[in-house]
Amino acid sequence: MDFNPEILKRFFKGKYSRKDFLAIKSIFEKPEKREEIIDLLQDHWFDYNNEPLPEGNVNHVLDKIHHQINLEKRREIFTGFIGTFQRIAAILIIPLILTFLVVFYYQSNKPVESALAEIQCPMGVRTKFILPDGTTGFLNSGSTLEYPVLFAKNRNVKLSGEAYFEVAHDKAHPFVVKTSNLSTKVLGTQFNVIAYENENREEVVLQEGSVEVYSNQGDKLETLQPDQKLVLNTETGQHNKDNVEASQFVSWTEGKLVFRNESMELVIQRLARWYNVEIEVEDSELLSYAFRATFIDESLDEVLKLMALTAPIKYREEKRETTNDGTYNKKKIIISLDHKREESFK
């Protein structure tokens, strides 16, 4: 097969370019290449696990991938802001392959009751998921969700990043979302959790139902009602509960960016994750500026232009350099204070 195995490795890791994706998609859609694809998957599995992947299971996952690709041609499954190839990669192919490989590994080495699966959402996209108990939701950019293959004695999941959950009701088995610093316990409800490891805060926002939030030491912090938010400062250990409009915090699942008097510091965090870019603020006084806006499927350039209309800022994009493997470094935006316009905003 005229195909570079390194492309497949990048694909499984979620670190691939549009060209990589199109190459893989074109190969997977060729029935005559099926045996060669199986060999390629077996080689990839052996490289990482030192054991072959049984052919029957490879055929099974290939059938699922082909089925999902055909479905995507007939109907719109994912509504987002990135584009067709990322929508397919994020919702259909990446979670499917990652979950399959992890499930198979654990089924081969551990009892199924203790097996864990993991879904990784690449930077700059959103991923819809369905858990074994019927719970559904979305993972946001750069997030990871680990969950049991079989929800037997408990329904504990582990989150790094941001996720929205619509939990299937089961009174006998509470659903618990564990992050680095918090445990959020529910029976059946709709809520959002933010817990990125490189940020100094964790948030739980409740849209419907009721949740109990605990520290990971087992201390109960708060019980939240709809339209309430708990924020934990992970550096000080202090937390606070506020009344909010929950729809603002879950609008990202519908492709909307909503800011309600949020500081520049929080705005750039969300923009950086949303568009998979690096954003640097040169003038620290800008961090206190507050923004109120709603963006739907706008490009980053349009968002920055609109922000510049409501605050004395200017921005520039640094030239992107290529790496040794021919890919580009992440886009970097520099935001600075526009001193000529500063007075007009006071």
C-alpha atoms as a PDB file:
ATOM      1  CA  MET A   1       0.000   0.000   0.000  1.00  0.00           C
ATOM      2  CA  ASP A   2       1.329   3.391  -0.977  1.00  0.00           C
ATOM      3  CA  PHE A   3       0.681   4.764   2.491  1.00  0.00           C
ATOM      4  CA  ASN A   4       2.980   6.066   5.207  1.00  0.00           C
ATOM      5  CA  PRO A   5       2.340   4.162   8.508  1.00  0.00           C
ATOM      6  CA  GLU A   6       3.399   7.279  10.416  1.00  0.00           C
ATOM      7  CA  ILE A   7       0.201   8.959   9.209  1.00  0.00           C
ATOM      8  CA  LEU A   8      -1.852   6.241  10.920  1.00  0.00           C
ATOM      9  CA  LYS A   9       0.112   6.662  14.139  1.00  0.00           C
ATOM     10  CA  ARG A  10      -0.527  10.414  14.109  1.00  0.00           C
ATOM     11  CA  PHE A  11      -4.188   9.710  13.398  1.00  0.00           C
ATOM     12  CA  PHE A  12      -4.607   7.438  16.429  1.00  0.00           C
ATOM     13  CA  LYS A  13      -2.920  10.059  18.614  1.00  0.00           C
ATOM     14  CA  GLY A  14      -5.240  12.794  17.304  1.00  0.00           C
ATOM     15  CA  LYS A  15      -2.248  14.789  16.018  1.00  0.00           C
ATOM     16  CA  TYR A  16      -2.786  14.847  12.286  1.00  0.00           C
ATOM     17  CA  SER A  17      -3.259  17.329   9.484  1.00  0.00           C
ATOM     18  CA  ARG A  18      -6.086  17.685   6.984  1.00  0.00           C
ATOM     19  CA  LYS A  19      -3.869  15.978   4.423  1.00  0.00           C
ATOM     20  CA  ASP A  20      -3.361  13.016   6.807  1.00  0.00           C
ATOM     21  CA  PHE A  21      -7.108  12.677   7.363  1.00  0.00           C
ATOM     22  CA  LEU A  22      -7.958  12.751   3.660  1.00  0.00           C
ATOM     23  CA  ALA A  23      -5.304  10.105   2.992  1.00  0.00           C
ATOM     24  CA  ILE A  24      -6.745   7.790   5.659  1.00  0.00           C
ATOM     25  CA  LYS A  25     -10.335   8.414   4.589  1.00  0.00           C
ATOM     26  CA  SER A  26      -9.528   7.621   0.965  1.00  0.00           C
ATOM     27  CA  ILE A  27      -7.855   4.333   1.952  1.00  0.00           C
ATOM     28  CA  PHE A  28     -10.671   3.275   4.312  1.00  0.00           C
ATOM     29  CA  GLU A  29     -13.232   3.796   1.539  1.00  0.00           C
ATOM     30  CA  LYS A  30     -11.514   1.321  -0.822  1.00  0.00           C
ATOM     31  CA  PRO A  31     -12.866  -2.246  -0.269  1.00  0.00           C
ATOM     32  CA  GLU A  32     -10.022  -3.745  -2.279  1.00  0.00           C
ATOM     33  CA  LYS A  33      -7.563  -2.359   0.292  1.00  0.00           C
ATOM     34  CA  ARG A  34      -9.252  -4.122   3.241  1.00  0.00           C
ATOM     35  CA  GLU A  35      -6.561  -6.765   3.810  1.00  0.00           C
ATOM     36  CA  GLU A  36      -3.801  -4.178   3.573  1.00  0.00           C
ATOM     37  CA  ILE A  37      -5.641  -1.979   6.096  1.00  0.00           C
ATOM     38  CA  ILE A  38      -5.886  -4.944   8.481  1.00  0.00           C
ATOM     39  CA  ASP A  39      -2.137  -5.528   8.169  1.00  0.00           C
ATOM     40  CA  LEU A  40      -1.507  -1.850   8.822  1.00  0.00           C
ATOM     41  CA  LEU A  41      -3.675  -1.839  11.965  1.00  0.00           C
ATOM     42  CA  GLN A  42      -2.010  -5.001  13.230  1.00  0.00           C
ATOM     43  CA  ASP A  43       1.412  -3.478  12.707  1.00  0.00           C
ATOM     44  CA  HIS A  44       0.354  -0.317  14.550  1.00  0.00           C
ATOM     45  CA  TRP A  45      -1.052  -2.262  17.504  1.00  0.00           C
ATOM     46  CA  PHE A  46       2.088  -4.410  17.763  1.00  0.00           C
ATOM     47  CA  ASP A  47       4.329  -1.332  17.787  1.00  0.00           C
ATOM     48  CA  TYR A  48       2.573  -0.014  20.890  1.00  0.00           C
ATOM     49  CA  ASN A  49       1.563  -3.205  22.731  1.00  0.00           C
ATOM     50  CA  ASN A  50       3.996  -5.945  21.630  1.00  0.00           C
ATOM     51  CA  GLU A  51       1.125  -8.273  20.770  1.00  0.00           C
ATOM     52  CA  PRO A  52      -0.927  -8.807  17.604  1.00  0.00           C
ATOM     53  CA  LEU A  53      -4.484  -7.597  17.274  1.00  0.00           C
ATOM     54  CA  PRO A  54      -6.853 -10.478  16.279  1.00  0.00           C
ATOM     55  CA  GLU A  55      -8.154 -10.158  12.735  1.00  0.00           C
ATOM     56  CA  GLY A  56     -11.801 -10.656  13.676  1.00  0.00           C
ATOM     57  CA  ASN A  57     -11.851  -7.580  15.846  1.00  0.00           C
ATOM     58  CA  VAL A  58     -10.061  -5.496  13.211  1.00  0.00           C
ATOM     59  CA  ASN A  59     -12.752  -6.450  10.709  1.00  0.00           C
ATOM     60  CA  HIS A  60     -15.383  -5.406  13.221  1.00  0.00           C
ATOM     61  CA  VAL A  61     -13.969  -1.930  13.743  1.00  0.00           C
ATOM     62  CA  LEU A  62     -13.462  -1.458   9.999  1.00  0.00           C
ATOM     63  CA  ASP A  63     -17.127  -2.270   9.387  1.00  0.00           C
ATOM     64  CA  LYS A  64     -18.153   0.340  11.959  1.00  0.00           C
ATOM     65  CA  ILE A  65     -15.907   2.992  10.418  1.00  0.00           C
ATOM     66  CA  HIS A  66     -17.248   2.363   6.914  1.00  0.00           C
ATOM     67  CA  HIS A  67     -20.815   2.474   8.206  1.00  0.00           C
ATOM     68  CA  GLN A  68     -20.270   5.787   9.978  1.00  0.00           C
ATOM     69  CA  ILE A  69     -18.558   7.361   6.972  1.00  0.00           C
ATOM     70  CA  ASN A  70     -21.561   6.418   4.821  1.00  0.00           C
ATOM     71  CA  LEU A  71     -23.956   7.893   7.367  1.00  0.00           C
ATOM     72  CA  GLU A  72     -22.018  11.163   7.345  1.00  0.00           C
ATOM     73  CA  LYS A  73     -22.532  11.449   3.592  1.00  0.00           C
ATOM     74  CA  ARG A  74     -26.305  11.320   4.010  1.00  0.00           C
ATOM     75  CA  ARG A  75     -26.952  13.563   6.971  1.00  0.00           C
ATOM     76  CA  GLU A  76     -25.389  16.220   9.155  1.00  0.00           C
ATOM     77  CA  ILE A  77     -24.405  14.655  12.468  1.00  0.00           C
ATOM     78  CA  PHE A  78     -22.231  17.352  13.922  1.00  0.00           C
ATOM     79  CA  THR A  79     -22.809  21.108  13.855  1.00  0.00           C
ATOM     80  CA  GLY A  80     -19.630  22.981  14.624  1.00  0.00           C
ATOM     81  CA  PHE A  81     -17.319  25.687  13.596  1.00  0.00           C
ATOM     82  CA  ILE A  82     -14.271  23.870  12.296  1.00  0.00           C
ATOM     83  CA  GLY A  83     -15.245  22.075   9.071  1.00  0.00           C
ATOM     84  CA  THR A  84     -16.255  18.786   7.572  1.00  0.00           C
ATOM     85  CA  PHE A  85     -13.037  16.836   8.003  1.00  0.00           C
ATOM     86  CA  GLN A  86     -12.688  17.759  11.683  1.00  0.00           C
ATOM     87  CA  ARG A  87     -16.353  16.973  12.357  1.00  0.00           C
ATOM     88  CA  ILE A  88     -15.893  13.464  10.964  1.00  0.00           C
ATOM     89  CA  ALA A  89     -12.621  12.978  12.821  1.00  0.00           C
ATOM     90  CA  ALA A  90     -13.901  14.257  16.153  1.00  0.00           C
ATOM     91  CA  ILE A  91     -17.301  12.562  16.335  1.00  0.00           C
ATOM     92  CA  LEU A  92     -16.971   9.419  14.283  1.00  0.00           C
ATOM     93  CA  ILE A  93     -13.486   8.136  13.708  1.00  0.00           C
ATOM     94  CA  ILE A  94     -11.303   9.159  16.651  1.00  0.00           C
ATOM     95  CA  PRO A  95     -13.649   8.141  19.529  1.00  0.00           C
ATOM     96  CA  LEU A  96     -14.580   4.935  17.689  1.00  0.00           C
ATOM     97  CA  ILE A  97     -11.016   3.754  17.083  1.00  0.00           C
ATOM     98  CA  LEU A  98      -9.636   4.888  20.450  1.00  0.00           C
ATOM     99  CA  THR A  99     -12.494   3.256  22.342  1.00  0.00           C
ATOM    100  CA  PHE A 100     -12.181   0.038  20.367  1.00  0.00           C
ATOM    101  CA  LEU A 101      -8.440  -0.303  20.917  1.00  0.00           C
ATOM    102  CA  VAL A 102      -8.632   0.439  24.628  1.00  0.00           C
ATOM    103  CA  VAL A 103     -11.609  -1.892  25.116  1.00  0.00           C
ATOM    104  CA  PHE A 104      -9.887  -4.726  23.295  1.00  0.00           C
ATOM    105  CA  TYR A 105      -6.685  -4.287  25.266  1.00  0.00           C
ATOM    106  CA  TYR A 106      -8.472  -4.440  28.600  1.00  0.00           C
ATOM    107  CA  GLN A 107     -10.700  -7.304  27.555  1.00  0.00           C
ATOM    108  CA  SER A 108      -7.557  -9.263  26.715  1.00  0.00           C
ATOM    109  CA  ASN A 109      -5.818  -8.512  29.994  1.00  0.00           C
ATOM    110  CA  LYS A 110      -8.455  -7.707  32.652  1.00  0.00           C
ATOM    111  CA  PRO A 111     -11.981  -8.734  33.627  1.00  0.00           C
ATOM    112  CA  VAL A 112     -14.490  -6.676  31.632  1.00  0.00           C
ATOM    113  CA  GLU A 113     -15.930  -5.248  34.861  1.00  0.00           C
ATOM    114  CA  SER A 114     -12.676  -3.365  35.481  1.00  0.00           C
ATOM    115  CA  ALA A 115     -11.976  -2.406  31.874  1.00  0.00           C
ATOM    116  CA  LEU A 116     -11.725   1.292  31.060  1.00  0.00           C
ATOM    117  CA  ALA A 117     -12.193   3.144  27.779  1.00  0.00           C
ATOM    118  CA  GLU A 118     -11.071   6.649  26.904  1.00  0.00           C
ATOM    119  CA  ILE A 119     -12.292   9.296  24.468  1.00  0.00           C
ATOM    120  CA  GLN A 120      -9.883  12.063  23.478  1.00  0.00           C
ATOM    121  CA  CYS A 121     -11.162  15.237  21.846  1.00  0.00           C
ATOM    122  CA  PRO A 122      -8.529  16.952  19.659  1.00  0.00           C
ATOM    123  CA  MET A 123      -7.785  20.643  19.982  1.00  0.00           C
ATOM    124  CA  GLY A 124     -10.142  22.939  18.136  1.00  0.00           C
ATOM    125  CA  VAL A 125     -13.135  20.580  17.841  1.00  0.00           C
ATOM    126  CA  ARG A 126     -16.041  19.162  19.853  1.00  0.00           C
ATOM    127  CA  THR A 127     -16.933  15.477  20.229  1.00  0.00           C
ATOM    128  CA  LYS A 128     -20.329  13.979  20.998  1.00  0.00           C
ATOM    129  CA  PHE A 129     -20.366  10.826  23.129  1.00  0.00           C
ATOM    130  CA  ILE A 130     -22.747   8.148  24.394  1.00  0.00           C
ATOM    131  CA  LEU A 131     -21.741   6.166  27.486  1.00  0.00           C
ATOM    132  CA  PRO A 132     -22.720   2.530  28.200  1.00  0.00           C
ATOM    133  CA  ASP A 133     -25.484   3.586  30.643  1.00  0.00           C
ATOM    134  CA  GLY A 134     -27.171   5.857  28.087  1.00  0.00           C
ATOM    135  CA  THR A 135     -25.644   9.092  29.381  1.00  0.00           C
ATOM    136  CA  THR A 136     -24.868  11.482  26.521  1.00  0.00           C
ATOM    137  CA  GLY A 137     -22.897  14.679  26.183  1.00  0.00           C
ATOM    138  CA  PHE A 138     -20.123  16.606  24.490  1.00  0.00           C
ATOM    139  CA  LEU A 139     -16.386  16.916  25.055  1.00  0.00           C
ATOM    140  CA  ASN A 140     -14.843  20.292  24.325  1.00  0.00           C
ATOM    141  CA  SER A 141     -11.489  21.045  22.690  1.00  0.00           C
ATOM    142  CA  GLY A 142      -8.476  19.272  24.201  1.00  0.00           C
ATOM    143  CA  SER A 143     -10.509  17.185  26.671  1.00  0.00           C
ATOM    144  CA  THR A 144     -10.308  13.540  27.746  1.00  0.00           C
ATOM    145  CA  LEU A 145     -13.028  11.350  29.272  1.00  0.00           C
ATOM    146  CA  GLU A 146     -12.266   7.977  30.867  1.00  0.00           C
ATOM    147  CA  TYR A 147     -15.152   5.647  31.730  1.00  0.00           C
ATOM    148  CA  PRO A 148     -15.892   1.973  32.519  1.00  0.00           C
ATOM    149  CA  VAL A 149     -16.640  -0.272  29.567  1.00  0.00           C
ATOM    150  CA  LEU A 150     -19.348  -1.842  31.706  1.00  0.00           C
ATOM    151  CA  PHE A 151     -21.143   0.251  34.344  1.00  0.00           C
ATOM    152  CA  ALA A 152     -21.603  -2.476  36.952  1.00  0.00           C
ATOM    153  CA  LYS A 153     -21.231  -1.353  40.578  1.00  0.00           C
ATOM    154  CA  ASN A 154     -20.733   2.343  39.922  1.00  0.00           C
ATOM    155  CA  ARG A 155     -20.948   5.042  37.276  1.00  0.00           C
ATOM    156  CA  ASN A 156     -17.701   6.893  37.919  1.00  0.00           C
ATOM    157  CA  VAL A 157     -16.034   8.751  35.055  1.00  0.00           C
ATOM    158  CA  LYS A 158     -12.835  10.797  35.004  1.00  0.00           C
ATOM    159  CA  LEU A 159     -12.608  14.102  33.143  1.00  0.00           C
ATOM    160  CA  SER A 160      -9.731  16.321  32.115  1.00  0.00           C
ATOM    161  CA  GLY A 161     -10.922  19.423  30.261  1.00  0.00           C
ATOM    162  CA  GLU A 162     -14.541  20.421  29.666  1.00  0.00           C
ATOM    163  CA  ALA A 163     -17.643  18.298  29.185  1.00  0.00           C
ATOM    164  CA  TYR A 164     -21.409  18.670  29.154  1.00  0.00           C
ATOM    165  CA  PHE A 165     -23.407  15.725  30.500  1.00  0.00           C
ATOM    166  CA  GLU A 166     -27.035  14.658  30.170  1.00  0.00           C
ATOM    167  CA  VAL A 167     -27.059  11.855  32.724  1.00  0.00           C
ATOM    168  CA  ALA A 168     -29.383   8.869  32.395  1.00  0.00           C
ATOM    169  CA  HIS A 169     -31.414   8.553  35.617  1.00  0.00           C
ATOM    170  CA  ASP A 170     -30.545   5.578  37.835  1.00  0.00           C
ATOM    171  CA  LYS A 171     -31.492   6.044  41.478  1.00  0.00           C
ATOM    172  CA  ALA A 172     -29.540   3.002  42.630  1.00  0.00           C
ATOM    173  CA  HIS A 173     -26.305   4.049  40.916  1.00  0.00           C
ATOM    174  CA  PRO A 174     -25.261   7.727  41.229  1.00  0.00           C
ATOM    175  CA  PHE A 175     -23.213   9.183  38.386  1.00  0.00           C
ATOM    176  CA  VAL A 176     -19.915  10.734  39.556  1.00  0.00           C
ATOM    177  CA  VAL A 177     -17.604  12.953  37.509  1.00  0.00           C
ATOM    178  CA  LYS A 178     -14.112  13.062  38.989  1.00  0.00           C
ATOM    179  CA  THR A 179     -11.617  15.787  38.076  1.00  0.00           C
ATOM    180  CA  SER A 180      -8.238  16.651  39.581  1.00  0.00           C
ATOM    181  CA  ASN A 181      -9.835  18.473  42.518  1.00  0.00           C
ATOM    182  CA  LEU A 182     -13.580  17.792  42.547  1.00  0.00           C
ATOM    183  CA  SER A 183     -16.162  15.004  42.518  1.00  0.00           C
ATOM    184  CA  THR A 184     -19.614  15.896  41.181  1.00  0.00           C
ATOM    185  CA  LYS A 185     -22.356  13.434  42.162  1.00  0.00           C
ATOM    186  CA  VAL A 186     -25.744  13.221  40.428  1.00  0.00           C
ATOM    187  CA  LEU A 187     -28.634  10.800  39.841  1.00  0.00           C
ATOM    188  CA  GLY A 188     -29.930  12.193  36.557  1.00  0.00           C
ATOM    189  CA  THR A 189     -29.412  15.745  35.387  1.00  0.00           C
ATOM    190  CA  GLN A 190     -27.791  18.155  32.897  1.00  0.00           C
ATOM    191  CA  PHE A 191     -24.623  19.987  33.854  1.00  0.00           C
ATOM    192  CA  ASN A 192     -21.275  21.298  32.629  1.00  0.00           C
ATOM    193  CA  VAL A 193     -17.826  20.703  34.150  1.00  0.00           C
ATOM    194  CA  ILE A 194     -14.610  22.606  33.363  1.00  0.00           C
ATOM    195  CA  ALA A 195     -11.327  21.231  34.689  1.00  0.00           C
ATOM    196  CA  TYR A 196      -8.386  21.909  32.394  1.00  0.00           C
ATOM    197  CA  GLU A 197      -5.127  20.859  34.050  1.00  0.00           C
ATOM    198  CA  ASN A 198      -3.226  23.959  32.923  1.00  0.00           C
ATOM    199  CA  GLU A 199      -5.723  26.373  34.513  1.00  0.00           C
ATOM    200  CA  ASN A 200      -6.089  27.420  38.156  1.00  0.00           C
ATOM    201  CA  ARG A 201      -9.856  26.936  38.439  1.00  0.00           C
ATOM    202  CA  GLU A 202     -12.483  24.243  38.140  1.00  0.00           C
ATOM    203  CA  GLU A 203     -16.181  24.919  37.505  1.00  0.00           C
ATOM    204  CA  VAL A 204     -19.463  23.061  37.779  1.00  0.00           C
ATOM    205  CA  VAL A 205     -22.567  24.672  36.235  1.00  0.00           C
ATOM    206  CA  LEU A 206     -25.991  23.086  36.695  1.00  0.00           C
ATOM    207  CA  GLN A 207     -28.647  23.426  34.013  1.00  0.00           C
ATOM    208  CA  GLU A 208     -31.260  20.955  35.244  1.00  0.00           C
ATOM    209  CA  GLY A 209     -31.768  18.688  38.279  1.00  0.00           C
ATOM    210  CA  SER A 210     -29.509  18.754  41.322  1.00  0.00           C
ATOM    211  CA  VAL A 211     -25.837  17.944  41.958  1.00  0.00           C
ATOM    212  CA  GLU A 212     -23.638  17.562  45.005  1.00  0.00           C
ATOM    213  CA  VAL A 213     -20.044  18.735  44.711  1.00  0.00           C
ATOM    214  CA  TYR A 214     -17.307  17.254  46.914  1.00  0.00           C
ATOM    215  CA  SER A 215     -13.598  17.775  47.283  1.00  0.00           C
ATOM    216  CA  ASN A 216     -11.511  14.757  46.365  1.00  0.00           C
ATOM    217  CA  GLN A 217     -10.869  14.339  50.095  1.00  0.00           C
ATOM    218  CA  GLY A 218     -14.586  13.583  50.515  1.00  0.00           C
ATOM    219  CA  ASP A 219     -15.687  16.914  52.017  1.00  0.00           C
ATOM    220  CA  LYS A 220     -19.025  18.161  50.723  1.00  0.00           C
ATOM    221  CA  LEU A 221     -18.638  21.671  49.310  1.00  0.00           C
ATOM    222  CA  GLU A 222     -22.054  22.601  47.914  1.00  0.00           C
ATOM    223  CA  THR A 223     -25.387  21.350  46.595  1.00  0.00           C
ATOM    224  CA  LEU A 224     -26.234  23.133  43.356  1.00  0.00           C
ATOM    225  CA  GLN A 225     -29.680  23.951  42.013  1.00  0.00           C
ATOM    226  CA  PRO A 226     -30.452  24.895  38.374  1.00  0.00           C
ATOM    227  CA  ASP A 227     -28.712  28.080  37.180  1.00  0.00           C
ATOM    228  CA  GLN A 228     -26.030  27.902  39.851  1.00  0.00           C
ATOM    229  CA  LYS A 229     -22.275  27.659  39.398  1.00  0.00           C
ATOM    230  CA  LEU A 230     -19.502  26.527  41.723  1.00  0.00           C
ATOM    231  CA  VAL A 231     -15.967  27.797  41.060  1.00  0.00           C
ATOM    232  CA  LEU A 232     -12.961  26.319  42.851  1.00  0.00           C
ATOM    233  CA  ASN A 233      -9.644  28.160  42.932  1.00  0.00           C
ATOM    234  CA  THR A 234      -7.224  25.246  42.717  1.00  0.00           C
ATOM    235  CA  GLU A 235      -4.317  27.314  44.036  1.00  0.00           C
ATOM    236  CA  THR A 236      -5.986  28.577  47.236  1.00  0.00           C
ATOM    237  CA  GLY A 237      -8.552  25.811  47.710  1.00  0.00           C
ATOM    238  CA  GLN A 238     -11.307  28.433  48.116  1.00  0.00           C
ATOM    239  CA  HIS A 239     -14.642  28.048  46.349  1.00  0.00           C
ATOM    240  CA  ASN A 240     -17.756  30.132  45.794  1.00  0.00           C
ATOM    241  CA  LYS A 241     -21.298  29.549  44.538  1.00  0.00           C
ATOM    242  CA  ASP A 242     -23.105  32.041  42.287  1.00  0.00           C
ATOM    243  CA  ASN A 243     -26.420  32.336  40.482  1.00  0.00           C
ATOM    244  CA  VAL A 244     -25.862  32.355  36.725  1.00  0.00           C
ATOM    245  CA  GLU A 245     -27.626  31.792  33.430  1.00  0.00           C
ATOM    246  CA  ALA A 246     -26.655  28.174  32.808  1.00  0.00           C
ATOM    247  CA  SER A 247     -27.475  28.318  29.100  1.00  0.00           C
ATOM    248  CA  GLN A 248     -24.544  30.715  28.669  1.00  0.00           C
ATOM    249  CA  PHE A 249     -22.111  28.076  29.885  1.00  0.00           C
ATOM    250  CA  VAL A 250     -23.458  25.182  27.823  1.00  0.00           C
ATOM    251  CA  SER A 251     -24.006  27.097  24.569  1.00  0.00           C
ATOM    252  CA  TRP A 252     -20.666  25.800  23.271  1.00  0.00           C
ATOM    253  CA  THR A 253     -22.375  22.458  22.605  1.00  0.00           C
ATOM    254  CA  GLU A 254     -24.433  24.248  19.924  1.00  0.00           C
ATOM    255  CA  GLY A 255     -21.467  25.991  18.315  1.00  0.00           C
ATOM    256  CA  LYS A 256     -21.969  29.296  20.141  1.00  0.00           C
ATOM    257  CA  LEU A 257     -19.439  31.423  21.989  1.00  0.00           C
ATOM    258  CA  VAL A 258     -21.273  33.443  24.639  1.00  0.00           C
ATOM    259  CA  PHE A 259     -19.577  36.044  26.857  1.00  0.00           C
ATOM    260  CA  ARG A 260     -21.520  37.841  29.608  1.00  0.00           C
ATOM    261  CA  ASN A 261     -19.266  40.501  31.137  1.00  0.00           C
ATOM    262  CA  GLU A 262     -16.332  38.108  31.248  1.00  0.00           C
ATOM    263  CA  SER A 263     -12.805  39.378  31.778  1.00  0.00           C
ATOM    264  CA  MET A 264     -10.273  39.405  28.965  1.00  0.00           C
ATOM    265  CA  GLU A 265      -8.327  36.728  30.843  1.00  0.00           C
ATOM    266  CA  LEU A 266     -11.206  34.244  30.662  1.00  0.00           C
ATOM    267  CA  VAL A 267     -12.139  35.306  27.140  1.00  0.00           C
ATOM    268  CA  ILE A 268      -8.695  34.547  25.721  1.00  0.00           C
ATOM    269  CA  GLN A 269      -8.640  31.171  27.497  1.00  0.00           C
ATOM    270  CA  ARG A 270     -11.873  30.190  25.782  1.00  0.00           C
ATOM    271  CA  LEU A 271     -10.847  31.602  22.405  1.00  0.00           C
ATOM    272  CA  ALA A 272      -7.508  29.794  22.528  1.00  0.00           C
ATOM    273  CA  ARG A 273      -9.229  26.445  23.157  1.00  0.00           C
ATOM    274  CA  TRP A 274     -12.072  27.125  20.719  1.00  0.00           C
ATOM    275  CA  TYR A 275      -9.856  27.993  17.763  1.00  0.00           C
ATOM    276  CA  ASN A 276      -6.782  25.982  18.792  1.00  0.00           C
ATOM    277  CA  VAL A 277      -4.503  29.011  18.774  1.00  0.00           C
ATOM    278  CA  GLU A 278      -2.039  30.608  21.154  1.00  0.00           C
ATOM    279  CA  ILE A 279      -3.084  34.074  22.367  1.00  0.00           C
ATOM    280  CA  GLU A 280      -0.757  36.416  24.213  1.00  0.00           C
ATOM    281  CA  VAL A 281      -1.768  39.702  25.859  1.00  0.00           C
ATOM    282  CA  GLU A 282       1.083  42.202  25.877  1.00  0.00           C
ATOM    283  CA  ASP A 283      -0.493  44.787  28.209  1.00  0.00           C
ATOM    284  CA  SER A 284      -1.671  43.399  31.556  1.00  0.00           C
ATOM    285  CA  GLU A 285      -4.211  46.202  32.083  1.00  0.00           C
ATOM    286  CA  LEU A 286      -6.277  44.682  29.293  1.00  0.00           C
ATOM    287  CA  LEU A 287      -6.947  41.583  31.397  1.00  0.00           C
ATOM    288  CA  SER A 288      -9.533  43.474  33.468  1.00  0.00           C
ATOM    289  CA  TYR A 289     -11.623  44.564  30.457  1.00  0.00           C
ATOM    290  CA  ALA A 290     -15.033  42.864  30.378  1.00  0.00           C
ATOM    291  CA  PHE A 291     -16.793  41.611  27.249  1.00  0.00           C
ATOM    292  CA  ARG A 292     -20.405  40.868  26.439  1.00  0.00           C
ATOM    293  CA  ALA A 293     -21.106  39.188  23.113  1.00  0.00           C
ATOM    294  CA  THR A 294     -22.473  36.114  21.343  1.00  0.00           C
ATOM    295  CA  PHE A 295     -20.673  34.588  18.367  1.00  0.00           C
ATOM    296  CA  ILE A 296     -22.113  31.848  16.167  1.00  0.00           C
ATOM    297  CA  ASP A 297     -19.757  30.117  13.729  1.00  0.00           C
ATOM    298  CA  GLU A 298     -17.602  33.238  13.358  1.00  0.00           C
ATOM    299  CA  SER A 299     -13.970  33.006  12.285  1.00  0.00           C
ATOM    300  CA  LEU A 300     -11.312  34.028  14.787  1.00  0.00           C
ATOM    301  CA  ASP A 301     -10.498  37.112  12.723  1.00  0.00           C
ATOM    302  CA  GLU A 302     -14.137  38.255  12.811  1.00  0.00           C
ATOM    303  CA  VAL A 303     -14.312  37.709  16.579  1.00  0.00           C
ATOM    304  CA  LEU A 304     -11.161  39.770  17.136  1.00  0.00           C
ATOM    305  CA  LYS A 305     -12.459  42.567  14.892  1.00  0.00           C
ATOM    306  CA  LEU A 306     -15.711  42.749  16.860  1.00  0.00           C
ATOM    307  CA  MET A 307     -13.835  42.720  20.175  1.00  0.00           C
ATOM    308  CA  ALA A 308     -11.705  45.618  18.951  1.00  0.00           C
ATOM    309  CA  LEU A 309     -14.887  47.633  18.424  1.00  0.00           C
ATOM    310  CA  THR A 310     -15.824  47.335  22.104  1.00  0.00           C
ATOM    311  CA  ALA A 311     -12.389  47.754  23.695  1.00  0.00           C
ATOM    312  CA  PRO A 312      -9.185  49.700  22.906  1.00  0.00           C
ATOM    313  CA  ILE A 313      -7.296  46.727  21.580  1.00  0.00           C
ATOM    314  CA  LYS A 314      -5.362  45.857  18.465  1.00  0.00           C
ATOM    315  CA  TYR A 315      -4.009  42.514  17.401  1.00  0.00           C
ATOM    316  CA  ARG A 316      -1.605  40.900  15.025  1.00  0.00           C
ATOM    317  CA  GLU A 317      -0.816  37.373  13.899  1.00  0.00           C
ATOM    318  CA  GLU A 318       2.773  36.180  14.060  1.00  0.00           C
ATOM    319  CA  LYS A 319       4.233  34.427  11.062  1.00  0.00           C
ATOM    320  CA  ARG A 320       3.839  30.672  11.344  1.00  0.00           C
ATOM    321  CA  GLU A 321       6.985  28.604  11.021  1.00  0.00           C
ATOM    322  CA  THR A 322       7.186  25.045   9.735  1.00  0.00           C
ATOM    323  CA  THR A 323       8.511  22.196  11.867  1.00  0.00           C
ATOM    324  CA  ASN A 324      10.893  19.419  10.832  1.00  0.00           C
ATOM    325  CA  ASP A 325       8.024  17.162   9.736  1.00  0.00           C
ATOM    326  CA  GLY A 326       6.604  19.831   7.415  1.00  0.00           C
ATOM    327  CA  THR A 327       3.655  20.884   9.589  1.00  0.00           C
ATOM    328  CA  TYR A 328       3.030  24.421  10.826  1.00  0.00           C
ATOM    329  CA  ASN A 329       3.401  25.613  14.388  1.00  0.00           C
ATOM    330  CA  LYS A 330       0.200  26.647  16.140  1.00  0.00           C
ATOM    331  CA  LYS A 331      -1.133  30.046  15.100  1.00  0.00           C
ATOM    332  CA  LYS A 332      -0.173  32.795  17.575  1.00  0.00           C
ATOM    333  CA  ILE A 333      -2.138  36.020  18.107  1.00  0.00           C
ATOM    334  CA  ILE A 334      -0.700  39.010  19.977  1.00  0.00           C
ATOM    335  CA  ILE A 335      -3.241  41.382  21.592  1.00  0.00           C
ATOM    336  CA  SER A 336      -2.093  44.773  22.801  1.00  0.00           C
ATOM    337  CA  LEU A 337      -3.518  48.064  24.067  1.00  0.00           C
ATOM    338  CA  ASP A 338      -4.417  50.617  21.412  1.00  0.00           C
ATOM    339  CA  HIS A 339      -3.202  53.778  23.152  1.00  0.00           C
ATOM    340  CA  LYS A 340      -4.618  56.059  20.447  1.00  0.00           C
ATOM    341  CA  ARG A 341      -8.149  54.856  21.202  1.00  0.00           C
ATOM    342  CA  GLU A 342      -7.759  54.320  24.959  1.00  0.00           C
ATOM    343  CA  GLU A 343      -9.184  57.675  26.014  1.00  0.00           C
ATOM    344  CA  SER A 344     -12.413  57.168  24.120  1.00  0.00           C
ATOM    345  CA  PHE A 345     -13.216  54.108  26.250  1.00  0.00           C
ATOM    346  CA  LYS A 346     -12.810  55.823  29.621  1.00  0.00           C
END
